Amino acid sequence: MPEHLTVDIRSEIGELESVIIHTPGAEVENMTPENAERALYSDILNLNIGLSEYRQLSGVLAKVSNTCEVGDLLKDVVENQEHKQILVDKICRNENNLQIRDYLLDLPAEMLSTALIEGVLMEKDNLTKFLNKSRYELMPLHNFFFMRDSAVCLSNKVLISKMASIVRERESIIMESIFQHHPKFGISTINPLEEQLSPEITIEGGDVLVAREDVLLVGSGTRTTSQGIDFILSYFRKEKLSKHILVQELPYKPESFIHLDMVFTFLDTDKCMVYEPIILKPNKLQTVHIEVQEGKVIAIYNEENLLIALKKLGFDLEPVICGGTTDHWIQEREQWHSGANFFAIAPGKVVGYARNTYTLDELSKHGFEIIQAKSIIKCDKDISSYKRCVITIEGSELARGGGGARCMTMPVKRKSVSW
């Protein structure tokens, strides 16, 4: 790990330099069919299979960037007693669980880092706990391997997410502590949680795409509210920034539409992946353009669709259709399994699931070579020798968790892009 990790995200596709990930652990298996819905899952996952698939993703990332495990970063933070106490106090207050505070503070750093992610089993040592149906005193963070959601890097700043579900708020609290107190970062954050704002304000990272330093795409739906987007506007106003925000409304059902990156992702300077029925076909979902000049909103108006709005701002993007162009049933099936959710490691070089074969065929037609992640990890193939490529990871299990390669990554530094 370098001496200092600079935060610098000014696009979705710049060559990746640093990224934070979380390899799924026991917290993923600590689910039952009964509590899966509370954990925001529609099914329970097999950790052994999921881990095998995830290691293909992390193996590729390690080949091209500085890759940091969130558990290691968290351990470093809680080695400091002052930061440890601040974090534990905040988590216990937020979860109304002060009775576990002293137990957590007594844990050594590595065990505390694990406990805050994997949960703490409830010791049935009194009648109240004996009658409590919960297995855990501190619930596991079942969703934490979807690292994208808990914080958003905007240029050299970090916006801490205000999660739509209380079961995920600890993820944001942990990320705030890492960005503020880890010796490799040590930066201030933008945090709606700290400002005692309206509970209607929610923002999640899967809905926020940094198109360019001056252009932000934000999905508005079940996870990010209009009030959440207004909070971002209030930050721009405070800092007197000039920006374009393109807001794309999303359906509330089915659950595969929870974030914008499930229907739209950038692939290259001139190509993007789209789920056609939401992004391109006529529908009732609005695309709203907000112009901000020196912090002041100077115009808000509707656009025909996201690609037309982007073209006006200098992005001439050719859409690649998730699921192909011939059968809307196939489009629906592949979108459900994160077929539009790609993560760029450089312009024209992206990572996605191998299971979405129709989407991969469509990418191939647009000049992308299809490469298995195993070939990159074993050094059988060199990413730098390809102009455009899709690196495929197996996704029979991970996709059932409701997210793809972009969902599982939190980039903190990318190189600049020549548009």
Protein backbone atom coordinates (compact mmCIF):
# COMPACT_ATOMS: atom_id res chain seq x y z
CA MET A 1 0.00 0.00 0.00
CA PRO A 2 1.42 3.43 -0.91
CA GLU A 3 2.18 6.00 1.76
CA HIS A 4 -0.82 8.09 0.80
CA LEU A 5 -3.94 7.18 -1.17
CA THR A 6 -5.10 10.17 -3.19
CA VAL A 7 -8.80 10.46 -3.93
CA ASP A 8 -9.31 11.58 -7.53
CA ILE A 9 -12.32 10.40 -9.56
CA ARG A 10 -13.25 12.56 -12.57
CA SER A 11 -14.76 9.91 -14.84
CA GLU A 12 -16.20 6.40 -14.90
CA ILE A 13 -13.64 5.04 -17.34
CA GLY A 14 -10.22 6.57 -16.59
CA GLU A 15 -7.43 4.06 -16.09
CA LEU A 16 -7.89 2.61 -12.62
CA GLU A 17 -5.13 3.33 -10.10
CA SER A 18 -6.68 2.58 -6.67
CA VAL A 19 -9.84 0.74 -5.65
CA ILE A 20 -11.41 -0.44 -2.39
CA ILE A 21 -13.09 -3.85 -2.31
CA HIS A 22 -14.48 -6.25 0.27
CA THR A 23 -14.05 -9.97 -0.23
CA PRO A 24 -17.30 -11.54 1.03
CA GLY A 25 -16.98 -13.56 4.22
CA ALA A 26 -19.08 -15.20 6.89
CA GLU A 27 -21.54 -12.29 6.86
CA VAL A 28 -22.85 -13.54 3.50
CA GLU A 29 -23.53 -17.05 4.81
CA ASN A 30 -25.07 -15.78 8.02
CA MET A 31 -28.45 -15.54 6.36
CA THR A 32 -31.49 -17.76 6.38
CA PRO A 33 -34.52 -17.71 4.06
CA GLU A 34 -36.40 -16.08 6.95
CA ASN A 35 -34.08 -13.08 7.32
CA ALA A 36 -32.97 -12.77 3.67
CA GLU A 37 -35.62 -10.14 2.93
CA ARG A 38 -34.52 -8.01 5.88
CA ALA A 39 -30.97 -8.29 4.53
CA LEU A 40 -32.26 -6.96 1.15
CA TYR A 41 -31.72 -10.27 -0.63
CA SER A 42 -34.28 -12.28 -2.58
CA ASP A 43 -32.26 -15.47 -2.04
CA ILE A 44 -29.40 -16.80 0.08
CA LEU A 45 -25.96 -17.27 -1.46
CA ASN A 46 -23.45 -20.10 -1.36
CA LEU A 47 -20.28 -18.48 -0.01
CA ASN A 48 -17.84 -21.06 -1.41
CA ILE A 49 -19.06 -20.58 -4.97
CA GLY A 50 -19.45 -16.83 -4.53
CA LEU A 51 -15.88 -16.56 -3.19
CA SER A 52 -14.47 -18.46 -6.15
CA GLU A 53 -16.21 -16.05 -8.51
CA TYR A 54 -15.25 -12.98 -6.48
CA ARG A 55 -11.57 -13.93 -6.53
CA GLN A 56 -11.68 -13.67 -10.31
CA LEU A 57 -12.76 -10.04 -9.93
CA SER A 58 -10.22 -9.22 -7.22
CA GLY A 59 -7.50 -11.07 -9.13
CA VAL A 60 -8.05 -8.95 -12.22
CA LEU A 61 -8.17 -5.73 -10.18
CA ALA A 62 -4.90 -6.63 -8.45
CA LYS A 63 -3.24 -6.96 -11.88
CA VAL A 64 -4.11 -3.42 -12.92
CA SER A 65 -4.38 -1.30 -9.76
CA ASN A 66 -3.63 -0.80 -6.11
CA THR A 67 -6.36 -2.87 -4.43
CA CYS A 68 -7.30 -2.26 -0.79
CA GLU A 69 -9.46 -4.55 1.33
CA VAL A 70 -11.91 -2.60 3.46
CA GLY A 71 -11.36 -4.94 6.42
CA ASP A 72 -7.63 -4.16 6.41
CA LEU A 73 -8.30 -0.42 6.23
CA LEU A 74 -10.81 -0.68 9.08
CA LYS A 75 -8.32 -2.61 11.22
CA ASP A 76 -5.74 0.14 10.71
CA VAL A 77 -8.27 2.77 11.84
CA VAL A 78 -9.26 1.00 15.06
CA GLU A 79 -5.61 0.43 16.03
CA ASN A 80 -5.89 4.04 17.18
CA GLN A 81 -7.79 4.04 20.49
CA GLU A 82 -9.36 7.46 19.98
CA HIS A 83 -10.65 6.59 16.51
CA LYS A 84 -11.78 3.19 17.76
CA GLN A 85 -13.90 4.75 20.49
CA ILE A 86 -15.41 7.35 18.13
CA LEU A 87 -16.40 4.65 15.63
CA VAL A 88 -17.80 2.20 18.18
CA ASP A 89 -19.76 4.93 19.95
CA LYS A 90 -21.24 6.13 16.67
CA ILE A 91 -22.26 2.62 15.58
CA CYS A 92 -23.78 1.74 18.96
CA ARG A 93 -25.75 4.99 19.13
CA ASN A 94 -26.95 4.69 15.56
CA GLU A 95 -28.16 1.12 16.12
CA ASN A 96 -29.52 1.84 19.61
CA ASN A 97 -27.28 -0.91 20.93
CA LEU A 98 -25.24 0.63 23.72
CA GLN A 99 -25.15 -2.62 25.68
CA ILE A 100 -22.56 -4.05 23.29
CA ARG A 101 -20.30 -0.99 23.41
CA ASP A 102 -17.89 -2.18 26.11
CA TYR A 103 -17.59 -5.63 24.53
CA LEU A 104 -16.61 -4.08 21.21
CA LEU A 105 -14.15 -1.65 22.78
CA ASP A 106 -12.39 -4.54 24.53
CA LEU A 107 -11.73 -6.37 21.26
CA PRO A 108 -8.29 -6.08 19.64
CA ALA A 109 -8.24 -4.24 16.31
CA GLU A 110 -8.37 -7.25 13.98
CA MET A 111 -11.20 -8.93 15.89
CA LEU A 112 -13.14 -5.66 16.07
CA SER A 113 -12.80 -5.11 12.33
CA THR A 114 -14.17 -8.60 11.73
CA ALA A 115 -16.99 -8.19 14.28
CA LEU A 116 -18.19 -4.91 12.79
CA ILE A 117 -18.56 -6.60 9.40
CA GLU A 118 -19.47 -10.23 10.21
CA GLY A 119 -21.60 -9.46 13.27
CA VAL A 120 -21.55 -10.60 16.90
CA LEU A 121 -23.50 -13.62 18.10
CA MET A 122 -25.92 -12.99 20.96
CA GLU A 123 -24.91 -14.63 24.21
CA LYS A 124 -28.16 -15.82 25.81
CA ASP A 125 -27.09 -14.91 29.34
CA ASN A 126 -30.31 -13.29 30.58
CA LEU A 127 -34.05 -13.78 30.11
CA THR A 128 -34.49 -10.91 27.64
CA LYS A 129 -31.78 -12.29 25.36
CA PHE A 130 -33.05 -15.84 25.82
CA LEU A 131 -36.49 -14.78 24.60
CA ASN A 132 -35.02 -12.72 21.75
CA LYS A 133 -35.43 -14.56 18.44
CA SER A 134 -32.39 -12.87 16.91
CA ARG A 135 -29.19 -14.88 16.53
CA TYR A 136 -27.05 -11.72 16.63
CA GLU A 137 -26.30 -8.99 19.14
CA LEU A 138 -24.76 -7.00 16.28
CA MET A 139 -26.15 -7.88 12.86
CA PRO A 140 -23.81 -8.89 10.01
CA LEU A 141 -23.33 -6.55 7.06
CA HIS A 142 -24.66 -8.93 4.41
CA ASN A 143 -24.38 -6.34 1.60
CA PHE A 144 -20.95 -4.89 2.28
CA PHE A 145 -19.25 -6.62 -0.64
CA PHE A 146 -21.34 -4.27 -2.80
CA MET A 147 -18.78 -1.61 -1.95
CA ARG A 148 -20.10 0.95 -4.44
CA ASP A 149 -23.07 2.07 -2.40
CA SER A 150 -21.65 3.34 0.89
CA ALA A 151 -19.59 6.28 -0.41
CA VAL A 152 -19.00 8.21 -3.64
CA CYS A 153 -15.75 9.82 -4.75
CA LEU A 154 -16.44 13.12 -6.53
CA SER A 155 -13.18 14.54 -7.89
CA ASN A 156 -11.04 14.82 -4.73
CA LYS A 157 -13.96 14.75 -2.27
CA VAL A 158 -15.90 11.88 -0.73
CA LEU A 159 -19.67 11.93 -0.35
CA ILE A 160 -20.79 9.51 2.37
CA SER A 161 -24.01 7.81 1.35
CA LYS A 162 -27.24 8.07 3.30
CA MET A 163 -28.50 4.55 2.72
CA ALA A 164 -32.16 3.88 2.00
CA SER A 165 -32.26 0.98 4.48
CA ILE A 166 -31.17 1.21 8.10
CA VAL A 167 -29.60 -2.26 7.85
CA ARG A 168 -26.87 -0.72 5.67
CA GLU A 169 -26.11 2.48 7.59
CA ARG A 170 -23.14 0.92 9.40
CA GLU A 171 -21.43 0.50 6.02
CA SER A 172 -21.48 4.28 5.52
CA ILE A 173 -20.31 4.92 9.08
CA ILE A 174 -17.35 2.59 8.54
CA MET A 175 -16.42 4.23 5.24
CA GLU A 176 -16.60 7.68 6.78
CA SER A 177 -14.23 6.55 9.53
CA ILE A 178 -11.80 5.09 6.98
CA PHE A 179 -11.71 8.19 4.79
CA GLN A 180 -11.44 10.57 7.75
CA HIS A 181 -9.11 8.66 10.06
CA HIS A 182 -7.05 6.17 8.08
CA PRO A 183 -3.46 7.49 7.83
CA LYS A 184 -3.45 6.77 4.08
CA PHE A 185 -6.45 9.07 3.51
CA GLY A 186 -7.18 11.59 6.26
CA ILE A 187 -9.65 13.71 4.29
CA SER A 188 -12.86 15.46 5.24
CA THR A 189 -16.10 14.02 3.94
CA ILE A 190 -19.50 15.29 2.83
CA ASN A 191 -21.98 13.48 5.05
CA PRO A 192 -25.76 13.95 5.20
CA LEU A 193 -25.82 11.63 8.25
CA GLU A 194 -23.89 14.22 10.27
CA GLU A 195 -26.18 17.11 9.48
CA GLN A 196 -29.39 15.80 11.10
CA LEU A 197 -31.29 16.35 7.88
CA SER A 198 -34.66 15.06 6.69
CA PRO A 199 -35.07 11.26 6.77
CA GLU A 200 -36.33 11.57 3.20
CA ILE A 201 -32.75 12.28 2.08
CA THR A 202 -31.21 9.07 0.74
CA ILE A 203 -28.26 8.68 -1.63
CA GLU A 204 -26.53 5.47 -2.68
CA GLY A 205 -23.39 5.14 -4.81
CA GLY A 206 -24.93 2.81 -7.38
CA ASP A 207 -27.05 5.76 -8.48
CA VAL A 208 -24.16 8.21 -8.94
CA LEU A 209 -22.01 8.13 -12.08
CA VAL A 210 -19.22 10.66 -12.63
CA ALA A 211 -19.38 11.19 -16.39
CA ARG A 212 -16.85 14.00 -16.40
CA GLU A 213 -15.62 16.43 -13.78
CA ASP A 214 -18.46 18.81 -14.67
CA VAL A 215 -21.14 16.19 -15.46
CA LEU A 216 -22.85 13.95 -12.93
CA LEU A 217 -25.47 11.31 -13.68
CA VAL A 218 -27.81 10.40 -10.82
CA GLY A 219 -30.59 7.84 -10.69
CA SER A 220 -33.75 8.71 -8.76
CA GLY A 221 -35.79 5.80 -7.45
CA THR A 222 -36.03 3.44 -4.51
CA ARG A 223 -32.52 4.11 -3.19
CA THR A 224 -31.80 7.76 -4.09
CA THR A 225 -34.57 10.29 -3.56
CA SER A 226 -35.12 13.72 -5.07
CA GLN A 227 -34.29 15.11 -1.61
CA GLY A 228 -30.98 13.23 -1.77
CA ILE A 229 -30.17 14.85 -5.11
CA ASP A 230 -31.14 18.23 -3.62
CA PHE A 231 -28.56 17.58 -0.88
CA ILE A 232 -25.90 17.21 -3.58
CA LEU A 233 -27.13 20.49 -5.06
CA SER A 234 -26.80 22.14 -1.66
CA TYR A 235 -23.18 21.02 -1.51
CA PHE A 236 -22.53 22.47 -4.97
CA ARG A 237 -24.14 25.71 -3.80
CA LYS A 238 -21.94 25.85 -0.72
CA GLU A 239 -18.78 25.25 -2.76
CA LYS A 240 -19.93 27.53 -5.64
CA LEU A 241 -19.35 24.75 -8.18
CA SER A 242 -20.52 24.71 -11.80
CA LYS A 243 -22.00 21.36 -12.84
CA HIS A 244 -24.51 19.59 -15.03
CA ILE A 245 -26.60 16.95 -13.25
CA LEU A 246 -28.56 14.54 -15.41
CA VAL A 247 -31.24 12.84 -13.32
CA GLN A 248 -32.75 9.62 -14.63
CA GLU A 249 -35.95 8.41 -12.98
CA LEU A 250 -36.02 4.68 -12.33
CA PRO A 251 -38.94 2.28 -11.83
CA TYR A 252 -39.69 1.20 -8.28
CA LYS A 253 -40.21 -2.39 -9.39
CA PRO A 254 -38.76 -4.91 -10.03
CA GLU A 255 -35.83 -4.84 -7.60
CA SER A 256 -33.28 -5.17 -10.42
CA PHE A 257 -33.79 -1.45 -11.11
CA ILE A 258 -32.57 -0.33 -7.68
CA HIS A 259 -29.71 1.78 -9.08
CA LEU A 260 -28.87 3.68 -12.25
CA ASP A 261 -25.83 1.46 -12.87
CA MET A 262 -28.19 -1.49 -13.33
CA VAL A 263 -29.51 0.11 -16.53
CA PHE A 264 -26.61 2.32 -17.71
CA THR A 265 -22.81 2.19 -17.47
CA PHE A 266 -19.97 3.84 -19.41
CA LEU A 267 -17.73 1.54 -21.45
CA ASP A 268 -15.45 3.90 -23.41
CA THR A 269 -15.21 7.51 -24.50
CA ASP A 270 -17.71 6.73 -27.27
CA LYS A 271 -19.67 3.73 -26.00
CA CYS A 272 -22.06 2.92 -23.17
CA MET A 273 -24.11 -0.06 -22.03
CA VAL A 274 -27.86 0.57 -21.80
CA TYR A 275 -30.97 -1.32 -20.85
CA GLU A 276 -33.03 -0.17 -23.79
CA PRO A 277 -36.59 -0.09 -22.32
CA ILE A 278 -35.55 2.38 -19.58
CA ILE A 279 -32.90 4.48 -21.31
CA LEU A 280 -33.96 4.67 -24.96
CA LYS A 281 -37.56 3.54 -25.42
CA PRO A 282 -40.43 6.01 -24.84
CA ASN A 283 -41.73 5.65 -21.27
CA LYS A 284 -43.10 7.68 -18.38
CA LEU A 285 -39.72 7.99 -16.64
CA GLN A 286 -38.30 11.49 -16.80
CA THR A 287 -34.76 12.52 -17.69
CA VAL A 288 -34.11 15.88 -16.02
CA HIS A 289 -31.21 18.22 -16.75
CA ILE A 290 -30.10 20.53 -13.90
CA GLU A 291 -27.63 23.28 -14.77
CA VAL A 292 -25.62 24.69 -11.87
CA GLN A 293 -23.41 27.75 -12.32
CA GLU A 294 -21.19 28.85 -9.44
CA GLY A 295 -23.47 26.99 -7.05
CA LYS A 296 -26.72 28.45 -8.31
CA VAL A 297 -29.31 26.39 -10.18
CA ILE A 298 -29.86 28.38 -13.37
CA ALA A 299 -32.09 25.90 -15.23
CA ILE A 300 -34.05 22.66 -14.74
CA TYR A 301 -35.73 21.03 -17.71
CA ASN A 302 -36.63 17.69 -19.27
CA GLU A 303 -34.50 15.92 -21.86
CA GLU A 304 -35.72 13.35 -24.38
CA ASN A 305 -33.40 10.71 -22.94
CA LEU A 306 -30.03 10.30 -21.26
CA LEU A 307 -27.99 9.81 -24.44
CA ILE A 308 -29.42 12.89 -26.14
CA ALA A 309 -28.69 14.95 -23.02
CA LEU A 310 -25.13 13.63 -22.89
CA LYS A 311 -24.58 14.39 -26.57
CA LYS A 312 -25.43 18.05 -25.93
CA LEU A 313 -22.64 18.03 -23.35
CA GLY A 314 -20.04 16.59 -25.71
CA PHE A 315 -20.50 12.84 -25.19
CA ASP A 316 -21.21 11.17 -28.53
CA LEU A 317 -22.02 7.71 -27.16
CA GLU A 318 -22.98 4.66 -29.18
CA PRO A 319 -25.31 2.49 -27.09
CA VAL A 320 -24.62 -1.22 -26.68
CA ILE A 321 -27.88 -2.96 -25.80
CA CYS A 322 -28.01 -5.15 -22.70
CA GLY A 323 -29.37 -8.55 -23.73
CA GLY A 324 -29.05 -7.81 -27.46
CA THR A 325 -31.58 -6.30 -29.81
CA THR A 326 -33.81 -9.20 -30.88
CA ASP A 327 -35.86 -10.32 -27.86
CA HIS A 328 -37.15 -8.19 -24.97
CA TRP A 329 -37.48 -11.30 -22.77
CA ILE A 330 -33.74 -11.91 -23.10
CA GLN A 331 -33.11 -8.24 -22.34
CA GLU A 332 -35.15 -8.56 -19.16
CA ARG A 333 -33.40 -11.77 -18.08
CA GLU A 334 -29.90 -10.40 -18.58
CA GLN A 335 -30.68 -7.05 -16.98
CA TRP A 336 -31.99 -8.96 -13.95
CA HIS A 337 -28.57 -10.59 -13.62
CA SER A 338 -26.66 -7.30 -13.84
CA GLY A 339 -26.16 -7.47 -17.60
CA ALA A 340 -25.81 -3.68 -17.82
CA ASN A 341 -23.54 -3.38 -14.80
CA PHE A 342 -19.96 -3.12 -16.12
CA PHE A 343 -16.88 -1.74 -14.37
CA ALA A 344 -14.21 0.02 -16.45
CA ILE A 345 -10.57 -0.52 -15.57
CA ALA A 346 -9.55 1.77 -18.46
CA PRO A 347 -11.28 3.32 -21.48
CA GLY A 348 -12.71 0.45 -23.53
CA LYS A 349 -11.64 -2.21 -21.01
CA VAL A 350 -14.40 -3.43 -18.74
CA VAL A 351 -15.32 -6.26 -16.40
CA GLY A 352 -18.67 -8.07 -16.34
CA TYR A 353 -20.40 -11.40 -15.84
CA ALA A 354 -19.80 -14.28 -18.27
CA ARG A 355 -23.38 -15.53 -17.80
CA ASN A 356 -24.88 -12.68 -19.87
CA THR A 357 -24.02 -14.21 -23.22
CA TYR A 358 -26.35 -12.12 -25.40
CA THR A 359 -24.91 -8.93 -23.93
CA LEU A 360 -21.39 -10.21 -24.56
CA ASP A 361 -22.31 -11.04 -28.16
CA GLU A 362 -23.53 -7.48 -28.57
CA LEU A 363 -20.26 -6.14 -27.13
CA SER A 364 -18.32 -8.34 -29.52
CA LYS A 365 -20.22 -6.81 -32.44
CA HIS A 366 -19.07 -3.39 -31.19
CA GLY A 367 -15.38 -4.34 -31.23
CA PHE A 368 -14.84 -5.72 -27.72
CA GLU A 369 -12.70 -8.85 -27.41
CA ILE A 370 -14.08 -11.33 -24.85
CA ILE A 371 -11.42 -12.50 -22.38
CA GLN A 372 -11.85 -14.80 -19.39
CA ALA A 373 -10.64 -13.39 -16.07
CA LYS A 374 -8.62 -16.58 -15.48
CA SER A 375 -6.51 -15.79 -18.56
CA ILE A 376 -5.59 -12.39 -17.13
CA ILE A 377 -4.84 -13.72 -13.66
CA LYS A 378 -2.60 -16.49 -15.05
CA CYS A 379 -0.89 -13.95 -17.36
CA ASP A 380 -1.90 -15.96 -20.43
CA LYS A 381 -3.26 -12.73 -21.91
CA ASP A 382 -2.12 -9.13 -21.55
CA ILE A 383 -4.81 -6.48 -21.12
CA SER A 384 -2.56 -3.79 -22.57
CA SER A 385 -2.48 -5.57 -25.94
CA TYR A 386 -6.21 -4.99 -26.49
CA LYS A 387 -7.80 -1.77 -27.66
CA ARG A 388 -11.20 -2.86 -26.33
CA CYS A 389 -12.04 -5.89 -24.24
CA VAL A 390 -14.52 -7.39 -21.81
CA ILE A 391 -12.98 -9.42 -19.01
CA THR A 392 -15.56 -11.97 -17.90
CA ILE A 393 -15.92 -13.32 -14.39
CA GLU A 394 -18.15 -16.26 -13.57
CA GLY A 395 -21.35 -15.03 -11.99
CA SER A 396 -23.73 -17.90 -11.33
CA GLU A 397 -23.74 -17.11 -7.59
CA LEU A 398 -22.66 -13.48 -7.22
CA ALA A 399 -25.31 -12.24 -9.65
CA ARG A 400 -28.00 -13.71 -7.40
CA GLY A 401 -26.98 -11.12 -4.79
CA GLY A 402 -28.36 -8.38 -7.03
CA GLY A 403 -25.26 -6.62 -8.34
CA GLY A 404 -22.39 -6.78 -10.80
CA ALA A 405 -18.77 -5.69 -11.19
CA ARG A 406 -19.47 -1.98 -10.74
CA CYS A 407 -21.52 -2.67 -7.62
CA MET A 408 -18.62 -4.57 -6.04
CA THR A 409 -15.97 -1.86 -6.48
CA MET A 410 -15.27 1.56 -5.00
CA PRO A 411 -12.64 3.28 -7.14
CA VAL A 412 -10.78 6.06 -5.35
CA LYS A 413 -8.31 7.13 -8.06
CA ARG A 414 -8.35 7.09 -11.85
CA LYS A 415 -6.14 8.71 -14.46
CA SER A 416 -7.57 11.54 -16.52
CA VAL A 417 -9.39 10.84 -19.78
CA SER A 418 -8.90 12.63 -23.10
CA TRP A 419 -12.40 13.29 -24.36
